[in-house]
Protein backbone atom coordinates (compact mmCIF):
# COMPACT_ATOMS: atom_id res chain seq x y z
CA UNK A 1 13.65 32.53 36.76
CA UNK A 2 15.00 29.47 34.92
CA UNK A 3 18.71 29.10 34.40
CA UNK A 4 19.99 29.83 30.92
CA UNK A 5 20.07 26.57 28.91
CA UNK A 6 21.89 25.96 25.62
CA UNK A 7 19.64 24.78 22.76
CA UNK A 8 21.53 23.90 19.56
CA UNK A 9 23.15 27.22 18.83
CA UNK A 10 20.58 29.27 20.81
CA UNK A 11 20.15 30.12 24.43
CA UNK A 12 16.73 29.62 25.99
CA UNK A 13 16.26 32.59 28.24
CA UNK A 14 12.56 32.71 29.02
CA UNK A 15 10.31 30.25 30.77
CA UNK A 16 7.82 29.89 27.87
CA UNK A 17 10.48 28.59 25.46
CA UNK A 18 11.63 26.12 28.09
CA UNK A 19 8.10 24.84 28.62
CA UNK A 20 7.50 24.48 24.88
CA UNK A 21 10.75 22.52 24.52
CA UNK A 22 9.74 20.27 27.41
CA UNK A 23 6.36 19.64 25.80
CA UNK A 24 7.89 18.66 22.43
CA UNK A 25 10.54 16.54 24.10
CA UNK A 26 7.85 14.74 26.13
CA UNK A 27 5.71 14.13 23.05
CA UNK A 28 8.71 12.80 21.14
CA UNK A 29 9.59 10.38 23.91
CA UNK A 30 5.98 9.18 24.15
CA UNK A 31 5.73 8.58 20.39
CA UNK A 32 9.09 6.80 20.30
CA UNK A 33 7.98 4.62 23.22
CA UNK A 34 4.80 3.67 21.38
CA UNK A 35 6.65 2.57 18.23
CA UNK A 36 9.36 0.73 20.17
CA UNK A 37 6.68 -1.05 22.22
CA UNK A 38 4.76 -1.94 19.07
CA UNK A 39 7.91 -3.41 17.56
CA UNK A 40 8.69 -5.44 20.67
CA UNK A 41 5.11 -6.70 20.81
CA UNK A 42 5.59 -8.36 17.41
CA UNK A 43 9.12 -9.60 18.12
CA UNK A 44 8.21 -13.31 17.96
CA UNK A 45 5.64 -12.89 15.18
CA UNK A 46 7.09 -10.42 12.64
CA UNK A 47 4.51 -11.26 9.96
CA UNK A 48 1.69 -9.85 12.11
CA UNK A 49 0.32 -6.52 10.90
CA UNK A 50 1.43 -3.46 12.81
CA UNK A 51 0.21 0.13 12.93
CA UNK A 52 2.03 1.21 9.74
CA UNK A 53 0.68 -1.76 7.71
CA UNK A 54 -2.85 -0.40 7.99
CA UNK A 55 -1.83 2.56 5.81
CA UNK A 56 -0.13 0.54 3.08
CA UNK A 57 -1.80 -0.02 -0.26
CA UNK A 58 -4.35 -2.80 -0.21
CA UNK A 59 -4.27 -5.83 -2.50
CA UNK A 60 -5.65 -5.47 -5.97
CA UNK A 61 -9.28 -6.59 -6.50
CA UNK A 62 -9.68 -10.07 -7.99
CA UNK A 63 -12.00 -8.95 -10.79
CA UNK A 64 -10.83 -6.72 -13.63
CA UNK A 65 -13.26 -4.78 -15.78
CA UNK A 66 -12.90 -5.50 -19.51
CA UNK A 67 -11.66 -1.94 -20.14
CA UNK A 68 -8.81 -2.40 -17.63
CA UNK A 69 -7.43 -5.71 -18.95
CA UNK A 70 -4.76 -3.88 -20.95
CA UNK A 71 -3.13 -2.67 -17.71
CA UNK A 72 -3.08 -6.17 -16.28
CA UNK A 73 -1.46 -7.78 -19.33
CA UNK A 74 0.73 -4.78 -20.19
CA UNK A 75 -0.41 -4.07 -23.73
CA UNK A 76 -2.02 -1.08 -25.46
CA UNK A 77 -5.77 -0.78 -24.98
CA UNK A 78 -6.54 -1.59 -28.62
CA UNK A 79 -4.55 -4.84 -28.54
CA UNK A 80 -6.27 -5.99 -25.36
CA UNK A 81 -9.69 -5.17 -26.83
CA UNK A 82 -8.83 -7.12 -30.01
CA UNK A 83 -7.65 -10.08 -27.92
CA UNK A 84 -10.96 -10.13 -26.00
CA UNK A 85 -13.03 -9.85 -29.20
CA UNK A 86 -11.02 -12.56 -31.04
CA UNK A 87 -11.21 -14.98 -28.11
CA UNK A 88 -14.74 -15.25 -26.73
CA UNK A 89 -13.61 -18.39 -24.88
CA UNK A 90 -11.71 -16.31 -22.29
CA UNK A 91 -13.43 -17.09 -18.96
CA UNK A 92 -15.40 -14.01 -17.89
CA UNK A 93 -18.21 -12.95 -15.60
CA UNK A 94 -21.01 -10.57 -16.56
CA UNK A 95 -22.40 -8.40 -13.76
CA UNK A 96 -24.95 -5.68 -14.56
CA UNK A 97 -24.11 -5.92 -18.27
CA UNK A 98 -20.40 -5.32 -17.59
CA UNK A 99 -17.80 -7.96 -18.40
CA UNK A 100 -15.22 -8.80 -15.72
CA UNK A 101 -12.25 -11.14 -15.77
CA UNK A 102 -10.77 -12.94 -12.80
CA UNK A 103 -7.06 -12.15 -12.41
CA UNK A 104 -6.23 -15.75 -11.54
CA UNK A 105 -8.30 -17.26 -14.36
CA UNK A 106 -7.02 -14.74 -16.90
CA UNK A 107 -3.42 -15.44 -15.87
CA UNK A 108 -4.02 -19.20 -16.29
CA UNK A 109 -5.72 -18.69 -19.66
CA UNK A 110 -2.82 -16.55 -20.93
CA UNK A 111 -0.32 -19.19 -19.77
CA UNK A 112 -2.29 -21.90 -21.60
CA UNK A 113 -2.31 -19.78 -24.77
CA UNK A 114 1.44 -19.31 -24.50
CA UNK A 115 1.94 -23.09 -24.23
CA UNK A 116 -0.29 -23.71 -27.28
CA UNK A 117 1.62 -21.21 -29.41
CA UNK A 118 5.00 -22.70 -28.45
């Protein structure tokens, strides 16, 4: 029989509880060791991706569908649609009869429009 061990306000009296606690403690130490080792591995190169970075949100796609431009420029949908219709010179790409705008090109075009209006 195992000796009676104190466990945060409880006493572990039977062998099964002691084995379960040992299992969880062992798993916790193994997981902590993995994350500490992963951190030390990237000590000299902190910009390198680690395990957690693979679950972070990916970068936005470069092309924006015409119906989503309003989110990119931060205006109501109707205003964005009117802007696109009034300015056919906005650089765009048509793929399978859908109009797409490059984020970079659209940003540059908007900046040029701002400079013209100033």
